[in-house]
Amino acid sequence: MNTIKQELGVAAQVAIGFVIVLLVTLGIGGTIYKVISPDGWIAAAFGRSLSAGAAALGSLLLIVALAWFSRGWSSPHSRNRFSDLLVYTFAAAGILYLGQLWFKGTF
């Protein structure tokens, strides 16, 4: 009886992990689509003006660069929190994109 409970617990963890992987994949794919699509964020930024688009891309690159360099000064425990935050943020984006796809039929 005890082993059945353990097996059910393991099966539930596997199912939850699979759902999280699917949501993270959908979140990353949806975000990439939102960035590079013809009506996406980059097109919207450059559609206003060249300087606004350059400023948006420059600030995005600066944030990515700072995040990349700051990982060297953080302890391993805070890096794990950051990676957890990144995974769950993309999972939340995946839920948002799935909801948009369900209700609107498009991203």
N, C-alpha and C. Protein backbone atom coordinates (compact mmCIF):
# COMPACT_ATOMS: atom_id res chain seq x y z
N MET A 1 0.82 -1.19 0.00
CA MET A 1 0.00 0.00 0.00
C MET A 1 0.86 1.25 0.00
N ASN A 2 1.94 1.21 0.76
CA ASN A 2 2.83 2.36 0.85
C ASN A 2 3.53 2.62 -0.48
N THR A 3 3.89 1.56 -1.20
CA THR A 3 4.56 1.75 -2.48
C THR A 3 3.62 2.32 -3.54
N ILE A 4 2.33 2.01 -3.43
CA ILE A 4 1.36 2.57 -4.37
C ILE A 4 1.26 4.08 -4.19
N LYS A 5 1.25 4.53 -2.92
CA LYS A 5 1.22 5.96 -2.64
C LYS A 5 2.47 6.64 -3.18
N GLN A 6 3.62 6.00 -3.02
CA GLN A 6 4.86 6.56 -3.54
C GLN A 6 4.82 6.65 -5.05
N GLU A 7 4.33 5.61 -5.69
CA GLU A 7 4.25 5.60 -7.15
C GLU A 7 3.28 6.66 -7.66
N LEU A 8 2.15 6.85 -6.97
CA LEU A 8 1.21 7.89 -7.36
C LEU A 8 1.81 9.27 -7.17
N GLY A 9 2.59 9.44 -6.11
CA GLY A 9 3.27 10.71 -5.89
C GLY A 9 4.28 11.01 -6.98
N VAL A 10 5.04 9.99 -7.37
CA VAL A 10 6.01 10.16 -8.45
C VAL A 10 5.31 10.45 -9.77
N ALA A 11 4.21 9.76 -10.03
CA ALA A 11 3.46 9.99 -11.26
C ALA A 11 2.90 11.41 -11.30
N ALA A 12 2.43 11.90 -10.16
CA ALA A 12 1.91 13.28 -10.10
C ALA A 12 3.03 14.29 -10.34
N GLN A 13 4.22 14.05 -9.77
CA GLN A 13 5.35 14.95 -10.00
C GLN A 13 5.77 14.95 -11.46
N VAL A 14 5.75 13.79 -12.09
CA VAL A 14 6.10 13.71 -13.51
C VAL A 14 5.08 14.47 -14.35
N ALA A 15 3.80 14.32 -14.04
CA ALA A 15 2.75 15.01 -14.79
C ALA A 15 2.85 16.52 -14.62
N ILE A 16 3.09 16.98 -13.40
CA ILE A 16 3.24 18.41 -13.15
C ILE A 16 4.48 18.94 -13.86
N GLY A 17 5.57 18.20 -13.81
CA GLY A 17 6.78 18.61 -14.52
C GLY A 17 6.58 18.69 -16.02
N PHE A 18 5.83 17.75 -16.57
CA PHE A 18 5.55 17.76 -18.00
C PHE A 18 4.71 18.98 -18.38
N VAL A 19 3.72 19.31 -17.57
CA VAL A 19 2.88 20.48 -17.83
C VAL A 19 3.72 21.76 -17.75
N ILE A 20 4.61 21.84 -16.78
CA ILE A 20 5.47 23.03 -16.65
C ILE A 20 6.39 23.14 -17.85
N VAL A 21 6.95 22.04 -18.31
CA VAL A 21 7.82 22.07 -19.50
C VAL A 21 7.04 22.54 -20.71
N LEU A 22 5.82 22.06 -20.88
CA LEU A 22 4.99 22.50 -22.01
C LEU A 22 4.68 23.99 -21.92
N LEU A 23 4.34 24.46 -20.72
CA LEU A 23 4.03 25.88 -20.56
C LEU A 23 5.25 26.76 -20.78
N VAL A 24 6.42 26.33 -20.29
CA VAL A 24 7.65 27.10 -20.50
C VAL A 24 7.99 27.15 -21.99
N THR A 25 7.85 26.02 -22.67
CA THR A 25 8.12 25.98 -24.10
C THR A 25 7.17 26.90 -24.85
N LEU A 26 5.90 26.87 -24.50
CA LEU A 26 4.93 27.76 -25.11
C LEU A 26 5.24 29.22 -24.79
N GLY A 27 5.66 29.49 -23.57
CA GLY A 27 6.01 30.86 -23.18
C GLY A 27 7.21 31.39 -23.94
N ILE A 28 8.24 30.57 -24.09
CA ILE A 28 9.43 31.00 -24.84
C ILE A 28 9.08 31.17 -26.31
N GLY A 29 8.38 30.21 -26.89
CA GLY A 29 7.99 30.30 -28.30
C GLY A 29 7.08 31.48 -28.57
N GLY A 30 6.11 31.71 -27.70
CA GLY A 30 5.20 32.84 -27.86
C GLY A 30 5.91 34.17 -27.73
N THR A 31 6.87 34.25 -26.81
CA THR A 31 7.64 35.48 -26.65
C THR A 31 8.49 35.75 -27.87
N ILE A 32 9.14 34.72 -28.39
CA ILE A 32 9.94 34.90 -29.61
C ILE A 32 9.04 35.33 -30.76
N TYR A 33 7.86 34.72 -30.86
CA TYR A 33 6.92 35.11 -31.91
C TYR A 33 6.49 36.56 -31.74
N LYS A 34 6.19 36.97 -30.50
CA LYS A 34 5.78 38.35 -30.25
C LYS A 34 6.89 39.34 -30.60
N VAL A 35 8.14 38.94 -30.45
CA VAL A 35 9.25 39.84 -30.73
C VAL A 35 9.48 39.97 -32.23
N ILE A 36 9.46 38.87 -33.00
CA ILE A 36 9.89 38.92 -34.39
C ILE A 36 8.76 38.90 -35.40
N SER A 37 7.51 38.81 -34.96
CA SER A 37 6.41 38.77 -35.93
C SER A 37 6.26 40.13 -36.62
N PRO A 38 5.61 40.17 -37.78
CA PRO A 38 5.44 41.44 -38.50
C PRO A 38 4.70 42.51 -37.69
N ASP A 39 3.80 42.09 -36.81
CA ASP A 39 3.11 43.04 -35.93
C ASP A 39 3.67 42.98 -34.51
N GLY A 40 4.88 42.50 -34.36
CA GLY A 40 5.46 42.27 -33.03
C GLY A 40 6.03 43.51 -32.39
N TRP A 41 6.74 43.27 -31.29
CA TRP A 41 7.24 44.35 -30.47
C TRP A 41 8.33 45.15 -31.19
N ILE A 42 9.21 44.49 -31.92
CA ILE A 42 10.27 45.22 -32.63
C ILE A 42 9.66 46.06 -33.75
N ALA A 43 8.72 45.49 -34.48
CA ALA A 43 8.06 46.26 -35.55
C ALA A 43 7.31 47.45 -34.96
N ALA A 44 6.68 47.27 -33.82
CA ALA A 44 5.97 48.38 -33.18
C ALA A 44 6.95 49.46 -32.71
N ALA A 45 8.10 49.04 -32.20
CA ALA A 45 9.09 50.01 -31.75
C ALA A 45 9.68 50.79 -32.92
N PHE A 46 9.99 50.10 -34.01
CA PHE A 46 10.56 50.79 -35.17
C PHE A 46 9.48 51.49 -35.98
N GLY A 47 8.23 51.09 -35.81
CA GLY A 47 7.15 51.75 -36.54
C GLY A 47 6.95 53.17 -36.08
N ARG A 48 7.19 53.43 -34.82
CA ARG A 48 7.04 54.79 -34.30
C ARG A 48 8.12 55.70 -34.86
N SER A 49 9.36 55.30 -34.69
CA SER A 49 10.47 56.05 -35.26
C SER A 49 11.74 55.22 -35.09
N LEU A 50 12.74 55.57 -35.85
CA LEU A 50 14.01 54.85 -35.79
C LEU A 50 14.67 55.05 -34.43
N SER A 51 14.61 56.26 -33.90
CA SER A 51 15.27 56.51 -32.62
C SER A 51 14.57 55.78 -31.48
N ALA A 52 13.24 55.69 -31.53
CA ALA A 52 12.52 54.96 -30.48
C ALA A 52 12.83 53.47 -30.56
N GLY A 53 12.92 52.92 -31.77
CA GLY A 53 13.26 51.52 -31.93
C GLY A 53 14.67 51.22 -31.49
N ALA A 54 15.60 52.11 -31.83
CA ALA A 54 16.99 51.92 -31.41
C ALA A 54 17.10 52.01 -29.90
N ALA A 55 16.36 52.93 -29.29
CA ALA A 55 16.40 53.06 -27.83
C ALA A 55 15.81 51.81 -27.16
N ALA A 56 14.73 51.27 -27.73
CA ALA A 56 14.12 50.07 -27.16
C ALA A 56 15.07 48.88 -27.27
N LEU A 57 15.66 48.69 -28.45
CA LEU A 57 16.61 47.58 -28.61
C LEU A 57 17.86 47.78 -27.77
N GLY A 58 18.33 49.00 -27.68
CA GLY A 58 19.51 49.29 -26.86
C GLY A 58 19.27 49.00 -25.39
N SER A 59 18.10 49.40 -24.90
CA SER A 59 17.79 49.13 -23.49
C SER A 59 17.61 47.64 -23.25
N LEU A 60 17.02 46.93 -24.20
CA LEU A 60 16.89 45.48 -24.07
C LEU A 60 18.26 44.81 -24.03
N LEU A 61 19.16 45.23 -24.90
CA LEU A 61 20.52 44.67 -24.91
C LEU A 61 21.25 45.01 -23.62
N LEU A 62 21.05 46.22 -23.10
CA LEU A 62 21.69 46.60 -21.85
C LEU A 62 21.20 45.75 -20.68
N ILE A 63 19.90 45.49 -20.63
CA ILE A 63 19.35 44.65 -19.57
C ILE A 63 19.90 43.23 -19.66
N VAL A 64 19.96 42.69 -20.87
CA VAL A 64 20.50 41.34 -21.06
C VAL A 64 21.98 41.30 -20.67
N ALA A 65 22.74 42.31 -21.05
CA ALA A 65 24.17 42.35 -20.71
C ALA A 65 24.36 42.45 -19.21
N LEU A 66 23.59 43.30 -18.54
CA LEU A 66 23.71 43.43 -17.09
C LEU A 66 23.32 42.12 -16.39
N ALA A 67 22.29 41.46 -16.88
CA ALA A 67 21.91 40.18 -16.29
C ALA A 67 23.00 39.14 -16.49
N TRP A 68 23.64 39.16 -17.65
CA TRP A 68 24.71 38.21 -17.93
C TRP A 68 25.91 38.45 -17.03
N PHE A 69 26.32 39.71 -16.86
CA PHE A 69 27.49 40.01 -16.05
C PHE A 69 27.21 39.89 -14.56
N SER A 70 26.00 40.15 -14.13
CA SER A 70 25.70 40.09 -12.70
C SER A 70 25.66 38.67 -12.17
N ARG A 71 25.54 37.69 -13.04
CA ARG A 71 25.48 36.32 -12.56
C ARG A 71 26.82 35.87 -11.97
N GLY A 72 27.91 36.54 -12.32
CA GLY A 72 29.21 36.19 -11.77
C GLY A 72 29.38 36.60 -10.33
N TRP A 73 28.65 37.61 -9.88
CA TRP A 73 28.79 38.12 -8.52
C TRP A 73 27.77 37.56 -7.56
N SER A 74 26.84 36.80 -8.03
CA SER A 74 25.81 36.30 -7.13
C SER A 74 26.21 34.92 -6.60
N SER A 75 25.65 34.59 -5.48
CA SER A 75 25.93 33.29 -4.90
C SER A 75 25.12 32.23 -5.65
N PRO A 76 25.52 30.97 -5.55
CA PRO A 76 24.77 29.92 -6.24
C PRO A 76 23.31 29.84 -5.80
N HIS A 77 23.02 30.17 -4.53
CA HIS A 77 21.63 30.09 -4.07
C HIS A 77 20.75 31.12 -4.79
N SER A 78 21.27 32.34 -4.97
CA SER A 78 20.45 33.36 -5.63
C SER A 78 20.34 33.07 -7.13
N ARG A 79 21.33 32.41 -7.72
CA ARG A 79 21.21 32.03 -9.13
C ARG A 79 20.11 31.00 -9.30
N ASN A 80 19.95 30.10 -8.34
CA ASN A 80 18.88 29.13 -8.42
C ASN A 80 17.52 29.81 -8.32
N ARG A 81 17.43 30.84 -7.48
CA ARG A 81 16.18 31.59 -7.38
C ARG A 81 15.90 32.30 -8.69
N PHE A 82 16.92 32.86 -9.31
CA PHE A 82 16.73 33.55 -10.58
C PHE A 82 16.28 32.58 -11.66
N SER A 83 16.88 31.41 -11.69
CA SER A 83 16.47 30.43 -12.70
C SER A 83 15.05 29.95 -12.44
N ASP A 84 14.68 29.78 -11.17
CA ASP A 84 13.29 29.42 -10.85
C ASP A 84 12.34 30.53 -11.29
N LEU A 85 12.72 31.78 -11.01
CA LEU A 85 11.90 32.90 -11.41
C LEU A 85 11.75 32.96 -12.93
N LEU A 86 12.83 32.71 -13.64
CA LEU A 86 12.80 32.72 -15.10
C LEU A 86 11.89 31.61 -15.63
N VAL A 87 12.00 30.43 -15.08
CA VAL A 87 11.17 29.31 -15.52
C VAL A 87 9.70 29.60 -15.27
N TYR A 88 9.36 30.06 -14.07
CA TYR A 88 7.96 30.30 -13.76
C TYR A 88 7.42 31.54 -14.47
N THR A 89 8.28 32.50 -14.81
CA THR A 89 7.83 33.64 -15.60
C THR A 89 7.46 33.19 -17.01
N PHE A 90 8.29 32.34 -17.61
CA PHE A 90 7.95 31.83 -18.93
C PHE A 90 6.75 30.89 -18.88
N ALA A 91 6.58 30.16 -17.77
CA ALA A 91 5.39 29.32 -17.62
C ALA A 91 4.14 30.20 -17.53
N ALA A 92 4.23 31.32 -16.80
CA ALA A 92 3.11 32.25 -16.72
C ALA A 92 2.82 32.87 -18.09
N ALA A 93 3.88 33.20 -18.84
CA ALA A 93 3.68 33.70 -20.20
C ALA A 93 3.03 32.64 -21.06
N GLY A 94 3.40 31.38 -20.88
CA GLY A 94 2.78 30.29 -21.60
C GLY A 94 1.30 30.18 -21.30
N ILE A 95 0.93 30.37 -20.04
CA ILE A 95 -0.49 30.36 -19.66
C ILE A 95 -1.21 31.52 -20.33
N LEU A 96 -0.57 32.69 -20.34
CA LEU A 96 -1.17 33.86 -20.98
C LEU A 96 -1.36 33.63 -22.48
N TYR A 97 -0.33 33.11 -23.15
CA TYR A 97 -0.43 32.86 -24.59
C TYR A 97 -1.45 31.76 -24.89
N LEU A 98 -1.52 30.76 -24.03
CA LEU A 98 -2.51 29.69 -24.22
C LEU A 98 -3.92 30.25 -24.06
N GLY A 99 -4.10 31.15 -23.10
CA GLY A 99 -5.40 31.80 -22.93
C GLY A 99 -5.77 32.66 -24.13
N GLN A 100 -4.79 33.41 -24.65
CA GLN A 100 -5.05 34.22 -25.84
C GLN A 100 -5.40 33.33 -27.03
N LEU A 101 -4.68 32.24 -27.17
CA LEU A 101 -4.95 31.32 -28.27
C LEU A 101 -6.34 30.69 -28.12
N TRP A 102 -6.73 30.38 -26.91
CA TRP A 102 -8.02 29.75 -26.65
C TRP A 102 -9.17 30.73 -26.91
N PHE A 103 -9.05 31.97 -26.40
CA PHE A 103 -10.16 32.91 -26.52
C PHE A 103 -10.19 33.69 -27.83
N LYS A 104 -9.01 34.08 -28.33
CA LYS A 104 -8.95 34.87 -29.56
C LYS A 104 -8.69 34.03 -30.80
N GLY A 105 -8.05 32.92 -30.62
CA GLY A 105 -7.67 32.09 -31.77
C GLY A 105 -6.33 32.47 -32.35
N THR A 106 -5.64 33.43 -31.74
CA THR A 106 -4.33 33.87 -32.19
C THR A 106 -3.55 34.42 -31.00
N PHE A 107 -2.25 34.56 -31.19
CA PHE A 107 -1.41 35.14 -30.16
C PHE A 107 -1.64 36.64 -30.16
